[in-house]
PDB file of N, CA and C in Angstrom:
ATOM      1  N   UNK A   1       0.850  -1.181  -0.014  1.00  0.00           N
ATOM      2  CA  UNK A   1      -0.003   0.008   0.015  1.00  0.00           C
ATOM      3  C   UNK A   1       0.896   1.228   0.018  1.00  0.00           C
ATOM      4  N   UNK A   2       0.445   2.302  -0.682  1.00  0.00           N
ATOM      5  CA  UNK A   2       1.217   3.479  -0.696  1.00  0.00           C
ATOM      6  C   UNK A   2       0.304   4.718  -0.858  1.00  0.00           C
ATOM      7  N   UNK A   3       0.869   5.845  -0.526  1.00  0.00           N
ATOM      8  CA  UNK A   3       0.140   7.096  -0.714  1.00  0.00           C
ATOM      9  C   UNK A   3       1.142   8.164  -1.060  1.00  0.00           C
ATOM     10  N   UNK A   4       0.773   9.012  -2.015  1.00  0.00           N
ATOM     11  CA  UNK A   4       1.683  10.075  -2.448  1.00  0.00           C
ATOM     12  C   UNK A   4       0.833  11.229  -2.946  1.00  0.00           C
ATOM     13  N   UNK A   5       1.352  12.410  -2.766  1.00  0.00           N
ATOM     14  CA  UNK A   5       0.708  13.629  -3.275  1.00  0.00           C
ATOM     15  C   UNK A   5       1.647  14.326  -4.271  1.00  0.00           C
ATOM     16  N   UNK A   6       1.137  14.572  -5.471  1.00  0.00           N
ATOM     17  CA  UNK A   6       1.899  15.200  -6.520  1.00  0.00           C
ATOM     18  C   UNK A   6       1.027  16.247  -7.176  1.00  0.00           C
ATOM     19  N   UNK A   7       1.602  17.224  -7.878  1.00  0.00           N
ATOM     20  CA  UNK A   7       0.775  18.236  -8.512  1.00  0.00           C
ATOM     21  C   UNK A   7       0.071  17.736  -9.780  1.00  0.00           C
ATOM     22  N   UNK A   8       0.433  16.558 -10.328  1.00  0.00           N
ATOM     23  CA  UNK A   8      -0.233  16.015 -11.505  1.00  0.00           C
ATOM     24  C   UNK A   8      -0.223  14.505 -11.462  1.00  0.00           C
ATOM     25  N   UNK A   9      -0.986  13.926 -12.373  1.00  0.00           N
ATOM     26  CA  UNK A   9      -1.022  12.467 -12.489  1.00  0.00           C
ATOM     27  C   UNK A   9      -0.318  12.039 -13.786  1.00  0.00           C
ATOM     28  N   UNK A  10       0.756  12.700 -14.078  1.00  0.00           N
ATOM     29  CA  UNK A  10       1.521  12.383 -15.275  1.00  0.00           C
ATOM     30  C   UNK A  10       2.274  11.081 -15.107  1.00  0.00           C
ATOM     31  N   UNK A  11       2.743  10.532 -16.217  1.00  0.00           N
ATOM     32  CA  UNK A  11       3.475   9.271 -16.194  1.00  0.00           C
ATOM     33  C   UNK A  11       4.641   9.267 -15.238  1.00  0.00           C
ATOM     34  N   UNK A  12       5.367  10.402 -15.164  1.00  0.00           N
ATOM     35  CA  UNK A  12       6.511  10.520 -14.292  1.00  0.00           C
ATOM     36  C   UNK A  12       6.114  10.221 -12.842  1.00  0.00           C
ATOM     37  N   UNK A  13       4.996  10.806 -12.383  1.00  0.00           N
ATOM     38  CA  UNK A  13       4.546  10.545 -11.006  1.00  0.00           C
ATOM     39  C   UNK A  13       4.204   9.053 -10.827  1.00  0.00           C
ATOM     40  N   UNK A  14       3.390   8.474 -11.752  1.00  0.00           N
ATOM     41  CA  UNK A  14       2.984   7.087 -11.587  1.00  0.00           C
ATOM     42  C   UNK A  14       4.172   6.156 -11.686  1.00  0.00           C
ATOM     43  N   UNK A  15       5.151   6.461 -12.529  1.00  0.00           N
ATOM     44  CA  UNK A  15       6.320   5.630 -12.662  1.00  0.00           C
ATOM     45  C   UNK A  15       7.073   5.587 -11.336  1.00  0.00           C
ATOM     46  N   UNK A  16       7.282   6.720 -10.756  1.00  0.00           N
ATOM     47  CA  UNK A  16       7.980   6.813  -9.443  1.00  0.00           C
ATOM     48  C   UNK A  16       7.192   6.086  -8.349  1.00  0.00           C
ATOM     49  N   UNK A  17       5.892   6.320  -8.310  1.00  0.00           N
ATOM     50  CA  UNK A  17       5.023   5.688  -7.288  1.00  0.00           C
ATOM     51  C   UNK A  17       5.035   4.174  -7.388  1.00  0.00           C
ATOM     52  N   UNK A  18       4.862   3.681  -8.610  1.00  0.00           N
ATOM     53  CA  UNK A  18       4.795   2.225  -8.828  1.00  0.00           C
ATOM     54  C   UNK A  18       6.168   1.569  -8.606  1.00  0.00           C
ATOM     55  N   UNK A  19       7.237   2.251  -8.987  1.00  0.00           N
ATOM     56  CA  UNK A  19       8.569   1.715  -8.704  1.00  0.00           C
ATOM     57  C   UNK A  19       8.846   1.586  -7.203  1.00  0.00           C
ATOM     58  N   UNK A  20       8.390   2.584  -6.470  1.00  0.00           N
ATOM     59  CA  UNK A  20       8.531   2.551  -4.989  1.00  0.00           C
ATOM     60  C   UNK A  20       7.785   1.350  -4.410  1.00  0.00           C
ATOM     61  N   UNK A  21       6.598   1.071  -4.914  1.00  0.00           N
ATOM     62  CA  UNK A  21       5.819  -0.081  -4.450  1.00  0.00           C
ATOM     63  C   UNK A  21       6.551  -1.370  -4.804  1.00  0.00           C
ATOM     64  N   UNK A  22       7.037  -1.434  -6.086  1.00  0.00           N
ATOM     65  CA  UNK A  22       7.751  -2.619  -6.558  1.00  0.00           C
ATOM     66  C   UNK A  22       9.035  -2.847  -5.746  1.00  0.00           C
ATOM     67  N   UNK A  23       9.735  -1.766  -5.393  1.00  0.00           N
ATOM     68  CA  UNK A  23      10.948  -1.871  -4.607  1.00  0.00           C
ATOM     69  C   UNK A  23      10.622  -2.436  -3.182  1.00  0.00           C
ATOM     70  N   UNK A  24       9.409  -2.174  -2.723  1.00  0.00           N
ATOM     71  CA  UNK A  24       9.008  -2.659  -1.374  1.00  0.00           C
ATOM     72  C   UNK A  24       8.387  -4.036  -1.488  1.00  0.00           C
ATOM     73  N   UNK A  25       8.395  -4.653  -2.691  1.00  0.00           N
ATOM     74  CA  UNK A  25       7.953  -6.049  -2.813  1.00  0.00           C
ATOM     75  C   UNK A  25       6.697  -6.320  -3.573  1.00  0.00           C
ATOM     76  N   UNK A  26       6.061  -5.278  -4.144  1.00  0.00           N
ATOM     77  CA  UNK A  26       4.872  -5.519  -4.904  1.00  0.00           C
ATOM     78  C   UNK A  26       5.189  -6.342  -6.164  1.00  0.00           C
ATOM     79  N   UNK A  27       4.482  -7.466  -6.343  1.00  0.00           N
ATOM     80  CA  UNK A  27       4.726  -8.382  -7.443  1.00  0.00           C
ATOM     81  C   UNK A  27       3.408  -8.993  -7.907  1.00  0.00           C
ATOM     82  N   UNK A  28       3.372  -9.433  -9.151  1.00  0.00           N
ATOM     83  CA  UNK A  28       2.279 -10.214  -9.607  1.00  0.00           C
ATOM     84  C   UNK A  28       1.031  -9.396 -10.018  1.00  0.00           C
ATOM     85  N   UNK A  29       1.149  -8.099 -10.154  1.00  0.00           N
ATOM     86  CA  UNK A  29      -0.018  -7.306 -10.535  1.00  0.00           C
ATOM     87  C   UNK A  29      -0.260  -7.494 -12.036  1.00  0.00           C
ATOM     88  N   UNK A  30      -1.452  -7.884 -12.389  1.00  0.00           N
ATOM     89  CA  UNK A  30      -1.842  -8.124 -13.766  1.00  0.00           C
ATOM     90  C   UNK A  30      -2.825  -7.107 -14.278  1.00  0.00           C
ATOM     91  N   UNK A  31      -3.673  -6.590 -13.351  1.00  0.00           N
ATOM     92  CA  UNK A  31      -4.776  -5.675 -13.716  1.00  0.00           C
ATOM     93  C   UNK A  31      -4.922  -4.560 -12.720  1.00  0.00           C
ATOM     94  N   UNK A  32      -5.051  -3.366 -13.179  1.00  0.00           N
ATOM     95  CA  UNK A  32      -5.323  -2.191 -12.320  1.00  0.00           C
ATOM     96  C   UNK A  32      -6.629  -1.597 -12.790  1.00  0.00           C
ATOM     97  N   UNK A  33      -7.562  -1.418 -11.902  1.00  0.00           N
ATOM     98  CA  UNK A  33      -8.839  -0.809 -12.263  1.00  0.00           C
ATOM     99  C   UNK A  33      -8.821   0.639 -11.726  1.00  0.00           C
ATOM    100  N   UNK A  34      -8.975   1.558 -12.665  1.00  0.00           N
ATOM    101  CA  UNK A  34      -8.858   2.998 -12.308  1.00  0.00           C
ATOM    102  C   UNK A  34      -9.610   3.818 -13.306  1.00  0.00           C
ATOM    103  N   UNK A  35      -9.639   5.158 -13.034  1.00  0.00           N
ATOM    104  CA  UNK A  35     -10.180   6.122 -13.974  1.00  0.00           C
ATOM    105  C   UNK A  35      -9.221   6.155 -15.175  1.00  0.00           C
ATOM    106  N   UNK A  36      -9.560   6.897 -16.166  1.00  0.00           N
ATOM    107  CA  UNK A  36      -8.760   7.019 -17.388  1.00  0.00           C
ATOM    108  C   UNK A  36      -7.559   7.952 -17.160  1.00  0.00           C
ATOM    109  N   UNK A  37      -6.462   7.382 -16.740  1.00  0.00           N
ATOM    110  CA  UNK A  37      -5.241   8.142 -16.527  1.00  0.00           C
ATOM    111  C   UNK A  37      -4.171   7.621 -17.498  1.00  0.00           C
ATOM    112  N   UNK A  38      -3.855   8.413 -18.493  1.00  0.00           N
ATOM    113  CA  UNK A  38      -2.866   7.978 -19.451  1.00  0.00           C
ATOM    114  C   UNK A  38      -1.518   7.720 -18.834  1.00  0.00           C
ATOM    115  N   UNK A  39      -1.165   8.538 -17.857  1.00  0.00           N
ATOM    116  CA  UNK A  39       0.128   8.352 -17.200  1.00  0.00           C
ATOM    117  C   UNK A  39       0.193   7.051 -16.451  1.00  0.00           C
ATOM    118  N   UNK A  40      -0.909   6.704 -15.736  1.00  0.00           N
ATOM    119  CA  UNK A  40      -0.975   5.453 -14.977  1.00  0.00           C
ATOM    120  C   UNK A  40      -0.882   4.274 -15.909  1.00  0.00           C
ATOM    121  N   UNK A  41      -1.623   4.372 -17.040  1.00  0.00           N
ATOM    122  CA  UNK A  41      -1.655   3.298 -18.010  1.00  0.00           C
ATOM    123  C   UNK A  41      -0.241   2.992 -18.558  1.00  0.00           C
ATOM    124  N   UNK A  42       0.473   4.049 -18.907  1.00  0.00           N
ATOM    125  CA  UNK A  42       1.843   3.865 -19.430  1.00  0.00           C
ATOM    126  C   UNK A  42       2.770   3.314 -18.365  1.00  0.00           C
ATOM    127  N   UNK A  43       2.724   3.905 -17.155  1.00  0.00           N
ATOM    128  CA  UNK A  43       3.623   3.471 -16.082  1.00  0.00           C
ATOM    129  C   UNK A  43       3.305   2.054 -15.655  1.00  0.00           C
ATOM    130  N   UNK A  44       2.057   1.684 -15.585  1.00  0.00           N
ATOM    131  CA  UNK A  44       1.677   0.318 -15.140  1.00  0.00           C
ATOM    132  C   UNK A  44       2.222  -0.706 -16.112  1.00  0.00           C
ATOM    133  N   UNK A  45       2.114  -0.427 -17.402  1.00  0.00           N
ATOM    134  CA  UNK A  45       2.644  -1.336 -18.393  1.00  0.00           C
ATOM    135  C   UNK A  45       4.177  -1.449 -18.300  1.00  0.00           C
ATOM    136  N   UNK A  46       4.817  -0.297 -18.129  1.00  0.00           N
ATOM    137  CA  UNK A  46       6.253  -0.273 -18.084  1.00  0.00           C
ATOM    138  C   UNK A  46       6.830  -0.876 -16.781  1.00  0.00           C
ATOM    139  N   UNK A  47       6.314  -0.469 -15.640  1.00  0.00           N
ATOM    140  CA  UNK A  47       6.879  -0.897 -14.372  1.00  0.00           C
ATOM    141  C   UNK A  47       6.394  -2.256 -13.920  1.00  0.00           C
ATOM    142  N   UNK A  48       5.098  -2.511 -14.054  1.00  0.00           N
ATOM    143  CA  UNK A  48       4.497  -3.737 -13.534  1.00  0.00           C
ATOM    144  C   UNK A  48       4.113  -4.768 -14.589  1.00  0.00           C
ATOM    145  N   UNK A  49       4.104  -4.351 -15.865  1.00  0.00           N
ATOM    146  CA  UNK A  49       3.617  -5.268 -16.895  1.00  0.00           C
ATOM    147  C   UNK A  49       2.138  -5.499 -16.756  1.00  0.00           C
ATOM    148  N   UNK A  50       1.415  -4.531 -16.197  1.00  0.00           N
ATOM    149  CA  UNK A  50      -0.027  -4.677 -15.923  1.00  0.00           C
ATOM    150  C   UNK A  50      -0.845  -3.875 -16.943  1.00  0.00           C
ATOM    151  N   UNK A  51      -2.065  -4.287 -17.097  1.00  0.00           N
ATOM    152  CA  UNK A  51      -2.994  -3.535 -17.936  1.00  0.00           C
ATOM    153  C   UNK A  51      -3.966  -2.771 -17.080  1.00  0.00           C
ATOM    154  N   UNK A  52      -4.606  -1.768 -17.677  1.00  0.00           N
ATOM    155  CA  UNK A  52      -5.572  -0.931 -16.966  1.00  0.00           C
ATOM    156  C   UNK A  52      -6.965  -1.233 -17.495  1.00  0.00           C
ATOM    157  N   UNK A  53      -7.883  -1.361 -16.588  1.00  0.00           N
ATOM    158  CA  UNK A  53      -9.300  -1.492 -16.954  1.00  0.00           C
ATOM    159  C   UNK A  53     -10.035  -0.275 -16.475  1.00  0.00           C
ATOM    160  N   UNK A  54     -10.822   0.333 -17.255  1.00  0.00           N
ATOM    161  CA  UNK A  54     -11.552   1.517 -16.888  1.00  0.00           C
ATOM    162  C   UNK A  54     -12.527   1.201 -15.748  1.00  0.00           C
ATOM    163  N   UNK A  55     -12.526   1.977 -14.718  1.00  0.00           N
ATOM    164  CA  UNK A  55     -13.405   1.832 -13.566  1.00  0.00           C
ATOM    165  C   UNK A  55     -14.862   1.968 -14.040  1.00  0.00           C
ATOM    166  N   UNK A  56     -15.689   1.083 -13.626  1.00  0.00           N
ATOM    167  CA  UNK A  56     -17.107   1.061 -14.023  1.00  0.00           C
ATOM    168  C   UNK A  56     -17.828   2.343 -13.596  1.00  0.00           C
ATOM    169  N   UNK A  57     -17.535   2.855 -12.437  1.00  0.00           N
ATOM    170  CA  UNK A  57     -18.191   4.062 -11.965  1.00  0.00           C
ATOM    171  C   UNK A  57     -17.850   5.247 -12.853  1.00  0.00           C
ATOM    172  N   UNK A  58     -16.569   5.399 -13.114  1.00  0.00           N
ATOM    173  CA  UNK A  58     -16.120   6.526 -13.973  1.00  0.00           C
ATOM    174  C   UNK A  58     -16.629   6.343 -15.426  1.00  0.00           C
ATOM    175  N   UNK A  59     -16.681   5.113 -15.914  1.00  0.00           N
ATOM    176  CA  UNK A  59     -17.200   4.882 -17.236  1.00  0.00           C
ATOM    177  C   UNK A  59     -18.691   5.379 -17.286  1.00  0.00           C
ATOM    178  N   UNK A  60     -19.464   4.995 -16.293  1.00  0.00           N
ATOM    179  CA  UNK A  60     -20.867   5.407 -16.278  1.00  0.00           C
ATOM    180  C   UNK A  60     -21.036   6.913 -16.157  1.00  0.00           C
ATOM    181  N   UNK A  61     -20.219   7.512 -15.265  1.00  0.00           N
ATOM    182  CA  UNK A  61     -20.330   8.977 -15.109  1.00  0.00           C
ATOM    183  C   UNK A  61     -20.004   9.694 -16.468  1.00  0.00           C
ATOM    184  N   UNK A  62     -18.928   9.271 -17.113  1.00  0.00           N
ATOM    185  CA  UNK A  62     -18.518   9.890 -18.358  1.00  0.00           C
ATOM    186  C   UNK A  62     -19.573   9.667 -19.434  1.00  0.00           C
ATOM    187  N   UNK A  63     -20.145   8.475 -19.515  1.00  0.00           N
ATOM    188  CA  UNK A  63     -21.149   8.179 -20.518  1.00  0.00           C
ATOM    189  C   UNK A  63     -22.392   8.979 -20.259  1.00  0.00           C
ATOM    190  N   UNK A  64     -22.839   9.065 -19.010  1.00  0.00           N
ATOM    191  CA  UNK A  64     -24.059   9.810 -18.726  1.00  0.00           C
ATOM    192  C   UNK A  64     -23.892  11.330 -18.842  1.00  0.00           C
ATOM    193  N   UNK A  65     -22.673  11.811 -18.821  1.00  0.00           N
ATOM    194  CA  UNK A  65     -22.441  13.208 -19.042  1.00  0.00           C
ATOM    195  C   UNK A  65     -22.820  13.655 -20.434  1.00  0.00           C
ATOM    196  N   UNK A  66     -22.862  12.682 -21.373  1.00  0.00           N
ATOM    197  CA  UNK A  66     -23.204  12.973 -22.743  1.00  0.00           C
ATOM    198  C   UNK A  66     -24.706  12.834 -23.041  1.00  0.00           C
ATOM    199  N   UNK A  67     -25.479  12.542 -21.993  1.00  0.00           N
ATOM    200  CA  UNK A  67     -26.890  12.208 -22.183  1.00  0.00           C
ATOM    201  C   UNK A  67     -27.743  13.240 -21.439  1.00  0.00           C
ATOM    202  N   UNK A  68     -28.812  13.674 -22.101  1.00  0.00           N
ATOM    203  CA  UNK A  68     -29.744  14.560 -21.468  1.00  0.00           C
ATOM    204  C   UNK A  68     -30.394  13.879 -20.228  1.00  0.00           C
ATOM    205  N   UNK A  69     -30.843  14.708 -19.277  1.00  0.00           N
ATOM    206  CA  UNK A  69     -31.411  14.166 -18.029  1.00  0.00           C
ATOM    207  C   UNK A  69     -32.575  13.210 -18.280  1.00  0.00           C
ATOM    208  N   UNK A  70     -33.442  13.489 -19.245  1.00  0.00           N
ATOM    209  CA  UNK A  70     -34.593  12.649 -19.482  1.00  0.00           C
ATOM    210  C   UNK A  70     -34.185  11.288 -20.058  1.00  0.00           C
ATOM    211  N   UNK A  71     -33.014  11.229 -20.698  1.00  0.00           N
ATOM    212  CA  UNK A  71     -32.563   9.950 -21.278  1.00  0.00           C
ATOM    213  C   UNK A  71     -31.700   9.121 -20.354  1.00  0.00           C
ATOM    214  N   UNK A  72     -31.275   9.678 -19.249  1.00  0.00           N
ATOM    215  CA  UNK A  72     -30.327   8.977 -18.366  1.00  0.00           C
ATOM    216  C   UNK A  72     -30.849   7.655 -17.814  1.00  0.00           C
ATOM    217  N   UNK A  73     -32.103   7.567 -17.409  1.00  0.00           N
ATOM    218  CA  UNK A  73     -32.554   6.283 -16.852  1.00  0.00           C
ATOM    219  C   UNK A  73     -32.462   5.103 -17.901  1.00  0.00           C
ATOM    220  N   UNK A  74     -32.862   5.381 -19.128  1.00  0.00           N
ATOM    221  CA  UNK A  74     -32.829   4.318 -20.124  1.00  0.00           C
ATOM    222  C   UNK A  74     -31.373   3.985 -20.531  1.00  0.00           C
ATOM    223  N   UNK A  75     -30.516   5.019 -20.624  1.00  0.00           N
ATOM    224  CA  UNK A  75     -29.141   4.768 -20.981  1.00  0.00           C
ATOM    225  C   UNK A  75     -28.437   4.011 -19.879  1.00  0.00           C
ATOM    226  N   UNK A  76     -28.714   4.376 -18.595  1.00  0.00           N
ATOM    227  CA  UNK A  76     -28.128   3.667 -17.462  1.00  0.00           C
ATOM    228  C   UNK A  76     -28.541   2.211 -17.475  1.00  0.00           C
ATOM    229  N   UNK A  77     -29.800   1.973 -17.719  1.00  0.00           N
ATOM    230  CA  UNK A  77     -30.300   0.562 -17.731  1.00  0.00           C
ATOM    231  C   UNK A  77     -29.676  -0.205 -18.855  1.00  0.00           C
ATOM    232  N   UNK A  78     -29.528   0.432 -20.051  1.00  0.00           N
ATOM    233  CA  UNK A  78     -28.926  -0.265 -21.177  1.00  0.00           C
ATOM    234  C   UNK A  78     -27.445  -0.605 -20.892  1.00  0.00           C
ATOM    235  N   UNK A  79     -26.683   0.358 -20.345  1.00  0.00           N
ATOM    236  CA  UNK A  79     -25.293   0.085 -20.058  1.00  0.00           C
ATOM    237  C   UNK A  79     -25.107  -0.937 -18.979  1.00  0.00           C
ATOM    238  N   UNK A  80     -25.976  -0.934 -17.992  1.00  0.00           N
ATOM    239  CA  UNK A  80     -25.898  -1.973 -16.944  1.00  0.00           C
ATOM    240  C   UNK A  80     -26.087  -3.364 -17.442  1.00  0.00           C
ATOM    241  N   UNK A  81     -26.875  -3.500 -18.512  1.00  0.00           N
ATOM    242  CA  UNK A  81     -27.088  -4.886 -19.050  1.00  0.00           C
ATOM    243  C   UNK A  81     -25.752  -5.471 -19.536  1.00  0.00           C
ATOM    244  N   UNK A  82     -24.877  -4.680 -20.004  1.00  0.00           N
ATOM    245  CA  UNK A  82     -23.576  -5.209 -20.447  1.00  0.00           C
ATOM    246  C   UNK A  82     -22.730  -5.643 -19.231  1.00  0.00           C
ATOM    247  N   UNK A  83     -22.778  -4.855 -18.145  1.00  0.00           N
ATOM    248  CA  UNK A  83     -22.029  -5.239 -16.954  1.00  0.00           C
ATOM    249  C   UNK A  83     -22.631  -6.442 -16.251  1.00  0.00           C
ATOM    250  N   UNK A  84     -23.886  -6.756 -16.511  1.00  0.00           N
ATOM    251  CA  UNK A  84     -24.533  -7.878 -15.874  1.00  0.00           C
ATOM    252  C   UNK A  84     -24.165  -9.209 -16.464  1.00  0.00           C
ATOM    253  N   UNK A  85     -23.476  -9.225 -17.575  1.00  0.00           N
ATOM    254  CA  UNK A  85     -23.053 -10.497 -18.244  1.00  0.00           C
ATOM    255  C   UNK A  85     -21.908 -11.124 -17.491  1.00  0.00           C
ATOM    256  N   UNK A  86     -21.828 -12.434 -17.520  1.00  0.00           N
ATOM    257  CA  UNK A  86     -20.788 -13.164 -16.764  1.00  0.00           C
ATOM    258  C   UNK A  86     -19.414 -13.147 -17.454  1.00  0.00           C
ATOM    259  N   UNK A  87     -19.401 -12.969 -18.753  1.00  0.00           N
ATOM    260  CA  UNK A  87     -18.093 -12.980 -19.502  1.00  0.00           C
ATOM    261  C   UNK A  87     -18.041 -11.823 -20.475  1.00  0.00           C
ATOM    262  N   UNK A  88     -16.849 -11.543 -20.893  1.00  0.00           N
ATOM    263  CA  UNK A  88     -16.652 -10.500 -21.947  1.00  0.00           C
ATOM    264  C   UNK A  88     -17.360 -10.936 -23.248  1.00  0.00           C
ATOM    265  N   UNK A  89     -17.261 -12.217 -23.558  1.00  0.00           N
ATOM    266  CA  UNK A  89     -17.896 -12.708 -24.770  1.00  0.00           C
ATOM    267  C   UNK A  89     -19.413 -12.533 -24.698  1.00  0.00           C
ATOM    268  N   UNK A  90     -20.022 -12.801 -23.578  1.00  0.00           N
ATOM    269  CA  UNK A  90     -21.460 -12.636 -23.413  1.00  0.00           C
ATOM    270  C   UNK A  90     -21.858 -11.141 -23.530  1.00  0.00           C
ATOM    271  N   UNK A  91     -21.018 -10.287 -22.962  1.00  0.00           N
ATOM    272  CA  UNK A  91     -21.252  -8.843 -23.082  1.00  0.00           C
ATOM    273  C   UNK A  91     -21.197  -8.410 -24.545  1.00  0.00           C
ATOM    274  N   UNK A  92     -20.168  -8.860 -25.231  1.00  0.00           N
ATOM    275  CA  UNK A  92     -20.076  -8.436 -26.638  1.00  0.00           C
ATOM    276  C   UNK A  92     -21.233  -8.997 -27.495  1.00  0.00           C
ATOM    277  N   UNK A  93     -21.615 -10.212 -27.190  1.00  0.00           N
ATOM    278  CA  UNK A  93     -22.773 -10.785 -27.904  1.00  0.00           C
ATOM    279  C   UNK A  93     -24.019  -9.946 -27.659  1.00  0.00           C
ATOM    280  N   UNK A  94     -24.241  -9.578 -26.416  1.00  0.00           N
ATOM    281  CA  UNK A  94     -25.401  -8.769 -26.068  1.00  0.00           C
ATOM    282  C   UNK A  94     -25.357  -7.431 -26.842  1.00  0.00           C
ATOM    283  N   UNK A  95     -24.226  -6.765 -26.921  1.00  0.00           N
ATOM    284  CA  UNK A  95     -24.099  -5.476 -27.566  1.00  0.00           C
ATOM    285  C   UNK A  95     -24.121  -5.582 -29.091  1.00  0.00           C
ATOM    286  N   UNK A  96     -23.956  -6.810 -29.631  1.00  0.00           N
ATOM    287  CA  UNK A  96     -24.029  -7.026 -31.053  1.00  0.00           C
ATOM    288  C   UNK A  96     -25.448  -6.974 -31.579  1.00  0.00           C
ATOM    289  N   UNK A  97     -26.413  -7.139 -30.676  1.00  0.00           N
ATOM    290  CA  UNK A  97     -27.830  -7.094 -31.004  1.00  0.00           C
ATOM    291  C   UNK A  97     -28.235  -5.644 -31.358  1.00  0.00           C
ATOM    292  N   UNK A  98     -29.375  -5.447 -31.951  1.00  0.00           N
ATOM    293  CA  UNK A  98     -29.805  -4.084 -32.346  1.00  0.00           C
ATOM    294  C   UNK A  98     -29.719  -3.156 -31.145  1.00  0.00           C
ATOM    295  N   UNK A  99     -29.317  -1.935 -31.368  1.00  0.00           N
ATOM    296  CA  UNK A  99     -29.094  -0.973 -30.302  1.00  0.00           C
ATOM    297  C   UNK A  99     -30.307  -0.706 -29.429  1.00  0.00           C
ATOM    298  N   UNK A 100     -30.017  -0.591 -28.098  1.00  0.00           N
ATOM    299  CA  UNK A 100     -31.088  -0.248 -27.196  1.00  0.00           C
ATOM    300  C   UNK A 100     -31.168   1.254 -26.966  1.00  0.00           C
ATOM    301  N   UNK A 101     -30.152   1.959 -27.412  1.00  0.00           N
ATOM    302  CA  UNK A 101     -30.035   3.377 -27.128  1.00  0.00           C
ATOM    303  C   UNK A 101     -30.003   4.129 -28.460  1.00  0.00           C
ATOM    304  N   UNK A 102     -30.573   5.253 -28.514  1.00  0.00           N
ATOM    305  CA  UNK A 102     -30.609   6.115 -29.698  1.00  0.00           C
ATOM    306  C   UNK A 102     -29.203   6.319 -30.239  1.00  0.00           C
ATOM    307  N   UNK A 103     -29.005   6.153 -31.520  1.00  0.00           N
ATOM    308  CA  UNK A 103     -27.700   6.307 -32.164  1.00  0.00           C
ATOM    309  C   UNK A 103     -27.095   7.653 -31.947  1.00  0.00           C
ATOM    310  N   UNK A 104     -27.908   8.707 -31.846  1.00  0.00           N
ATOM    311  CA  UNK A 104     -27.382  10.061 -31.621  1.00  0.00           C
ATOM    312  C   UNK A 104     -26.651  10.162 -30.292  1.00  0.00           C
ATOM    313  N   UNK A 105     -27.115   9.424 -29.283  1.00  0.00           N
ATOM    314  CA  UNK A 105     -26.443   9.412 -27.986  1.00  0.00           C
ATOM    315  C   UNK A 105     -25.057   8.799 -28.115  1.00  0.00           C
ATOM    316  N   UNK A 106     -24.964   7.698 -28.838  1.00  0.00           N
ATOM    317  CA  UNK A 106     -23.671   7.046 -29.043  1.00  0.00           C
ATOM    318  C   UNK A 106     -22.718   7.958 -29.815  1.00  0.00           C
ATOM    319  N   UNK A 107     -23.231   8.679 -30.792  1.00  0.00           N
ATOM    320  CA  UNK A 107     -22.397   9.587 -31.570  1.00  0.00           C
ATOM    321  C   UNK A 107     -21.836  10.716 -30.687  1.00  0.00           C
ATOM    322  N   UNK A 108     -22.668  11.312 -29.859  1.00  0.00           N
ATOM    323  CA  UNK A 108     -22.181  12.349 -28.947  1.00  0.00           C
ATOM    324  C   UNK A 108     -21.158  11.802 -27.980  1.00  0.00           C
ATOM    325  N   UNK A 109     -21.328  10.582 -27.545  1.00  0.00           N
ATOM    326  CA  UNK A 109     -20.350   9.943 -26.671  1.00  0.00           C
ATOM    327  C   UNK A 109     -19.039   9.773 -27.364  1.00  0.00           C
ATOM    328  N   UNK A 110     -19.094   9.273 -28.603  1.00  0.00           N
ATOM    329  CA  UNK A 110     -17.839   9.053 -29.409  1.00  0.00           C
ATOM    330  C   UNK A 110     -17.142  10.354 -29.641  1.00  0.00           C
ATOM    331  N   UNK A 111     -17.869  11.454 -29.853  1.00  0.00           N
ATOM    332  CA  UNK A 111     -17.234  12.796 -30.041  1.00  0.00           C
ATOM    333  C   UNK A 111     -16.434  13.182 -28.826  1.00  0.00           C
ATOM    334  N   UNK A 112     -16.794  12.682 -27.619  1.00  0.00           N
ATOM    335  CA  UNK A 112     -16.107  13.010 -26.419  1.00  0.00           C
ATOM    336  C   UNK A 112     -15.044  11.976 -26.036  1.00  0.00           C
ATOM    337  N   UNK A 113     -14.843  10.989 -26.933  1.00  0.00           N
ATOM    338  CA  UNK A 113     -13.824   9.968 -26.674  1.00  0.00           C
ATOM    339  C   UNK A 113     -14.304   8.833 -25.748  1.00  0.00           C
ATOM    340  N   UNK A 114     -15.622   8.724 -25.551  1.00  0.00           N
ATOM    341  CA  UNK A 114     -16.185   7.672 -24.717  1.00  0.00           C
ATOM    342  C   UNK A 114     -16.575   6.517 -25.593  1.00  0.00           C
ATOM    343  N   UNK A 115     -16.091   5.301 -25.281  1.00  0.00           N
ATOM    344  CA  UNK A 115     -16.418   4.155 -26.119  1.00  0.00           C
ATOM    345  C   UNK A 115     -17.931   3.962 -26.216  1.00  0.00           C
ATOM    346  N   UNK A 116     -18.373   3.421 -27.355  1.00  0.00           N
ATOM    347  CA  UNK A 116     -19.812   3.215 -27.535  1.00  0.00           C
ATOM    348  C   UNK A 116     -20.361   2.062 -26.689  1.00  0.00           C
ATOM    349  N   UNK A 117     -19.504   1.085 -26.332  1.00  0.00           N
ATOM    350  CA  UNK A 117     -19.927   0.018 -25.504  1.00  0.00           C
ATOM    351  C   UNK A 117     -18.936  -0.156 -24.338  1.00  0.00           C
ATOM    352  N   UNK A 118     -19.410  -0.704 -23.208  1.00  0.00           N
ATOM    353  CA  UNK A 118     -18.528  -0.949 -22.076  1.00  0.00           C
ATOM    354  C   UNK A 118     -17.337  -1.819 -22.428  1.00  0.00           C
ATOM    355  N   UNK A 119     -17.522  -2.776 -23.321  1.00  0.00           N
ATOM    356  CA  UNK A 119     -16.419  -3.676 -23.688  1.00  0.00           C
ATOM    357  C   UNK A 119     -15.276  -2.949 -24.436  1.00  0.00           C
ATOM    358  N   UNK A 120     -15.593  -1.812 -25.058  1.00  0.00           N
ATOM    359  CA  UNK A 120     -14.565  -0.999 -25.735  1.00  0.00           C
ATOM    360  C   UNK A 120     -13.794  -0.129 -24.743  1.00  0.00           C
ATOM    361  N   UNK A 121     -14.286  -0.086 -23.495  1.00  0.00           N
ATOM    362  CA  UNK A 121     -13.634   0.808 -22.515  1.00  0.00           C
ATOM    363  C   UNK A 121     -12.414   0.175 -21.901  1.00  0.00           C
ATOM    364  N   UNK A 122     -12.157  -1.038 -22.252  1.00  0.00           N
ATOM    365  CA  UNK A 122     -11.019  -1.779 -21.651  1.00  0.00           C
ATOM    366  C   UNK A 122      -9.740  -1.491 -22.357  1.00  0.00           C
TER     367      UNK A 122
END
């Protein structure tokens, strides 16, 4: 476990932070679940050989930021159906079916760099 305060979340910070943890014995990390931090993603791959998975909470917040208030309940329900699947393959199969959400919502999300499906957020 570690804690550090830095003025930014750039790769330099994460590299130093993760190396300090590795120096203290951290081993075997394969997956880190976090918000979308490009610096963490790069440092995790370099220092630990780990991959980053987008945090479900932040994915939902970012996706819903692209949706009008009246559409949020249906979009939330649609996105949750993907997370309810037991496997990535089942989630992809579910999302391959006709869209549950208005295409214009997906387009606005894509314009902001948000993946159209939860499986693309990985």
